[in-house]
Every structure is written in structure tokens, then in C-alpha cells.
C-alpha atoms as a PDB file:
ATOM      1  CA  GLN A   1     -17.016  22.757  -3.890  1.00  0.00           C
ATOM      2  CA  VAL A   2     -17.098  20.937  -1.151  1.00  0.00           C
ATOM      3  CA  GLN A   3     -13.723  19.184  -0.690  1.00  0.00           C
ATOM      4  CA  LEU A   4     -13.017  15.992   1.294  1.00  0.00           C
ATOM      5  CA  VAL A   5      -9.597  14.569   1.819  1.00  0.00           C
ATOM      6  CA  GLU A   6      -9.014  11.021   2.344  1.00  0.00           C
ATOM      7  CA  SER A   7      -5.875   9.479   3.766  1.00  0.00           C
ATOM      8  CA  GLY A   8      -4.320   6.266   4.835  1.00  0.00           C
ATOM      9  CA  GLY A   9      -4.308   4.138   1.662  1.00  0.00           C
ATOM     10  CA  GLY A  10      -1.245   2.220   0.428  1.00  0.00           C
ATOM     11  CA  LEU A  11       0.162  -1.072   0.330  1.00  0.00           C
ATOM     12  CA  ALA A  12      -0.415  -4.226   2.501  1.00  0.00           C
ATOM     13  CA  GLN A  13      -0.056  -7.774   2.374  1.00  0.00           C
ATOM     14  CA  THR A  14      -2.833 -10.120   2.587  1.00  0.00           C
ATOM     15  CA  GLY A  15      -3.573 -10.815   6.477  1.00  0.00           C
ATOM     16  CA  GLU A  16      -2.720  -7.401   7.326  1.00  0.00           C
ATOM     17  CA  SER A  17      -4.651  -3.994   8.348  1.00  0.00           C
ATOM     18  CA  LEU A  18      -4.734  -0.960   7.304  1.00  0.00           C
ATOM     19  CA  THR A  19      -6.961   2.296   8.612  1.00  0.00           C
ATOM     20  CA  LEU A  20      -8.380   4.658   5.897  1.00  0.00           C
ATOM     21  CA  SER A  21      -9.546   8.026   7.277  1.00  0.00           C
ATOM     22  CA  CYS A  22     -11.269  11.190   5.975  1.00  0.00           C
ATOM     23  CA  VAL A  23     -12.289  14.481   7.097  1.00  0.00           C
ATOM     24  CA  ALA A  24     -15.207  16.430   6.829  1.00  0.00           C
ATOM     25  CA  PRO A  25     -14.884  20.136   5.987  1.00  0.00           C
ATOM     26  CA  GLU A  26     -15.520  22.271   8.732  1.00  0.00           C
ATOM     27  CA  GLY A  27     -19.272  23.297   9.136  1.00  0.00           C
ATOM     28  CA  PHE A  28     -20.506  20.630   7.523  1.00  0.00           C
ATOM     29  CA  THR A  29     -23.261  18.340   9.570  1.00  0.00           C
ATOM     30  CA  VAL A  30     -22.925  14.731   8.568  1.00  0.00           C
ATOM     31  CA  ASP A  31     -25.991  12.954   8.618  1.00  0.00           C
ATOM     32  CA  GLN A  32     -24.737   9.550   7.003  1.00  0.00           C
ATOM     33  CA  MET A  33     -20.915   8.826   6.314  1.00  0.00           C
ATOM     34  CA  GLY A  34     -19.944   5.948   4.078  1.00  0.00           C
ATOM     35  CA  TRP A  35     -16.841   3.894   2.364  1.00  0.00           C
ATOM     36  CA  TYR A  36     -17.475   2.681  -0.907  1.00  0.00           C
ATOM     37  CA  ARG A  37     -14.659   1.217  -3.649  1.00  0.00           C
ATOM     38  CA  ARG A  38     -13.882   0.858  -7.339  1.00  0.00           C
ATOM     39  CA  GLN A  39     -12.423  -2.341  -7.625  1.00  0.00           C
ATOM     40  CA  ILE A  40     -12.304  -2.711 -11.282  1.00  0.00           C
ATOM     41  CA  PRO A  41     -10.977   0.346 -13.559  1.00  0.00           C
ATOM     42  CA  GLY A  42     -14.382   1.913 -14.732  1.00  0.00           C
ATOM     43  CA  GLY A  43     -16.810   0.262 -12.941  1.00  0.00           C
ATOM     44  CA  GLU A  44     -19.015   1.204 -10.314  1.00  0.00           C
ATOM     45  CA  ARG A  45     -18.474   2.104  -6.730  1.00  0.00           C
ATOM     46  CA  ASP A  46     -19.891  -0.559  -4.675  1.00  0.00           C
ATOM     47  CA  LEU A  47     -20.966   0.039  -0.776  1.00  0.00           C
ATOM     48  CA  VAL A  48     -18.419  -1.099   1.998  1.00  0.00           C
ATOM     49  CA  ALA A  49     -19.874   0.056   4.847  1.00  0.00           C
ATOM     50  CA  THR A  50     -22.303   3.383   6.080  1.00  0.00           C
ATOM     51  CA  LEU A  51     -22.326   5.124   9.672  1.00  0.00           C
ATOM     52  CA  THR A  52     -25.537   7.210  10.457  1.00  0.00           C
ATOM     53  CA  SER A  53     -25.344  10.436  12.740  1.00  0.00           C
ATOM     54  CA  ASP A  54     -27.293   8.169  15.426  1.00  0.00           C
ATOM     55  CA  GLY A  55     -24.533   5.745  15.501  1.00  0.00           C
ATOM     56  CA  SER A  56     -26.165   2.730  13.485  1.00  0.00           C
ATOM     57  CA  VAL A  57     -23.732   0.776  10.887  1.00  0.00           C
ATOM     58  CA  ASN A  58     -24.141  -1.517   8.219  1.00  0.00           C
ATOM     59  CA  TYR A  59     -21.713  -3.380   6.090  1.00  0.00           C
ATOM     60  CA  VAL A  60     -21.555  -5.301   2.773  1.00  0.00           C
ATOM     61  CA  ASN A  61     -21.289  -8.823   3.961  1.00  0.00           C
ATOM     62  CA  SER A  62     -17.689  -9.732   2.344  1.00  0.00           C
ATOM     63  CA  VAL A  63     -16.380  -7.237   5.036  1.00  0.00           C
ATOM     64  CA  LYS A  64     -18.446  -7.724   8.005  1.00  0.00           C
ATOM     65  CA  ASP A  65     -16.228  -8.992  11.074  1.00  0.00           C
ATOM     66  CA  ARG A  66     -13.353  -7.765   9.162  1.00  0.00           C
ATOM     67  CA  PHE A  67     -13.597  -4.133   8.786  1.00  0.00           C
ATOM     68  CA  THR A  68     -14.824  -1.696  11.117  1.00  0.00           C
ATOM     69  CA  ILE A  69     -16.042   1.715  10.330  1.00  0.00           C
ATOM     70  CA  SER A  70     -16.139   4.460  13.008  1.00  0.00           C
ATOM     71  CA  ARG A  71     -15.724   8.355  13.691  1.00  0.00           C
ATOM     72  CA  ASP A  72     -13.879  10.444  16.325  1.00  0.00           C
ATOM     73  CA  ASN A  73     -16.109  12.409  19.189  1.00  0.00           C
ATOM     74  CA  ALA A  74     -16.257  15.579  17.219  1.00  0.00           C
ATOM     75  CA  LYS A  75     -18.020  13.825  14.285  1.00  0.00           C
ATOM     76  CA  THR A  76     -15.525  15.671  11.886  1.00  0.00           C
ATOM     77  CA  THR A  77     -13.205  12.646  11.120  1.00  0.00           C
ATOM     78  CA  PHE A  78     -14.246   8.966   9.709  1.00  0.00           C
ATOM     79  CA  TYR A  79     -12.313   5.975   9.721  1.00  0.00           C
ATOM     80  CA  LEU A  80     -12.346   2.376   8.151  1.00  0.00           C
ATOM     81  CA  ARG A  81     -10.258  -0.187   9.714  1.00  0.00           C
ATOM     82  CA  MET A  82      -9.535  -2.624   7.696  1.00  0.00           C
ATOM     83  CA  ASN A  83      -8.059  -6.137   9.272  1.00  0.00           C
ATOM     84  CA  ASN A  84      -7.418  -9.294   7.757  1.00  0.00           C
ATOM     85  CA  LEU A  85      -7.169  -7.999   4.315  1.00  0.00           C
ATOM     86  CA  LYS A  86      -7.599  -9.964   1.205  1.00  0.00           C
ATOM     87  CA  ALA A  87      -6.798  -9.574  -2.288  1.00  0.00           C
ATOM     88  CA  GLU A  88     -10.417  -8.922  -3.176  1.00  0.00           C
ATOM     89  CA  GLY A  89      -9.657  -5.569  -0.937  1.00  0.00           C
ATOM     90  CA  SER A  90      -7.643  -4.233  -3.480  1.00  0.00           C
ATOM     91  CA  ALA A  91      -9.794  -1.072  -4.923  1.00  0.00           C
ATOM     92  CA  ILE A  92      -9.789   2.466  -4.537  1.00  0.00           C
ATOM     93  CA  TYR A  93     -11.821   3.681  -1.507  1.00  0.00           C
ATOM     94  CA  TYR A  94     -14.019   6.745  -1.815  1.00  0.00           C
ATOM     95  CA  CYS A  95     -15.588   8.727   1.258  1.00  0.00           C
ATOM     96  CA  ASN A  96     -19.267   9.844   0.749  1.00  0.00           C
ATOM     97  CA  LEU A  97     -20.629  12.399   3.208  1.00  0.00           C
ATOM     98  CA  ASP A  98     -24.337  13.266   3.140  1.00  0.00           C
ATOM     99  CA  GLY A  99     -25.690  15.824   5.093  1.00  0.00           C
ATOM    100  CA  TRP A 100     -25.814  19.623   5.315  1.00  0.00           C
ATOM    101  CA  PHE A 101     -23.481  22.104   4.319  1.00  0.00           C
ATOM    102  CA  GLY A 102     -23.562  26.285   3.803  1.00  0.00           C
ATOM    103  CA  GLY A 103     -27.645  26.120   4.890  1.00  0.00           C
ATOM    104  CA  GLY A 104     -28.832  23.564   2.602  1.00  0.00           C
ATOM    105  CA  PRO A 105     -28.403  19.532   2.042  1.00  0.00           C
ATOM    106  CA  CYS A 106     -25.283  18.280   0.404  1.00  0.00           C
ATOM    107  CA  GLU A 107     -23.543  15.352  -0.580  1.00  0.00           C
ATOM    108  CA  THR A 108     -20.126  14.961  -1.539  1.00  0.00           C
ATOM    109  CA  TRP A 109     -17.355  12.797  -2.362  1.00  0.00           C
ATOM    110  CA  GLY A 110     -13.771  12.325  -1.708  1.00  0.00           C
ATOM    111  CA  ARG A 111     -11.311  11.793  -4.732  1.00  0.00           C
ATOM    112  CA  GLY A 112     -10.633   8.602  -3.660  1.00  0.00           C
ATOM    113  CA  ILE A 113      -7.683   6.579  -2.516  1.00  0.00           C
ATOM    114  CA  GLN A 114      -5.554   3.402  -3.674  1.00  0.00           C
ATOM    115  CA  VAL A 115      -5.446   0.211  -1.669  1.00  0.00           C
ATOM    116  CA  THR A 116      -3.669  -2.392  -3.220  1.00  0.00           C
ATOM    117  CA  VAL A 117      -3.225  -5.980  -1.210  1.00  0.00           C
ATOM    118  CA  SER A 118      -0.877  -8.537  -1.922  1.00  0.00           C
ATOM    119  CA  SER A 119      -0.549 -11.931  -1.288  1.00  0.00           C
END
């Protein structure tokens, strides 16, 4: 079982910033990394942003110009910088990695981390 570790969530007020982090397991080669969120308990996980190995990024319209997905130079830690948070940013955020591990293709998810935005 490939385990992802997310960190950086918590409580913020509207207009404030938070940065989420996700660490890829040692030996995992990432083709694409994504951040998703579940805003409604029991609902779907919706795409927030993706980052591919060649550096291409994609954002859902509602977070463009406020959120930034990035990675460190070693491509082992991935970030989601969330600026100017809004109330609808309250959700459980999930890290997703799609790539190669242990000699074969692998896709895995983190357990999720809570972000709560209060006004």
C-alpha cells in the first residue's frame, strides 16, 4: 500500500492563505500530481489543480489566479498554495499521484486534510 502524507490544512479566515503539502513515497515517479477536494460530506472529490511531469498546470476556474500548484526541485513534495481563501474553499483536500512505483503503474490518494474557511 502506497501511503501519501498531506499536511498544512486547518482553519483560516476569508482572505487569508494556507499551503497544503503532499510528499510522494520514496521511489515513486510522478507523471501527474493533483489536488482534489470534497466540499460536501459524502459527495464527489472535485478537481482543484493538476501538475504534470513536464510542468503543465491546470486549475478549476473557481481557483484560478488564487491557488498555485507547485513542486520542489526533487519532485518529491507537492504544494497547493491557496491565497485569498473564500468560504467555499472549506473542504477536505486530497492529494493524488499518478505514475510509477515498484516497477509498475500506480495511482494513489492521500487520506485527505481538512481546510475550514470562516468569515
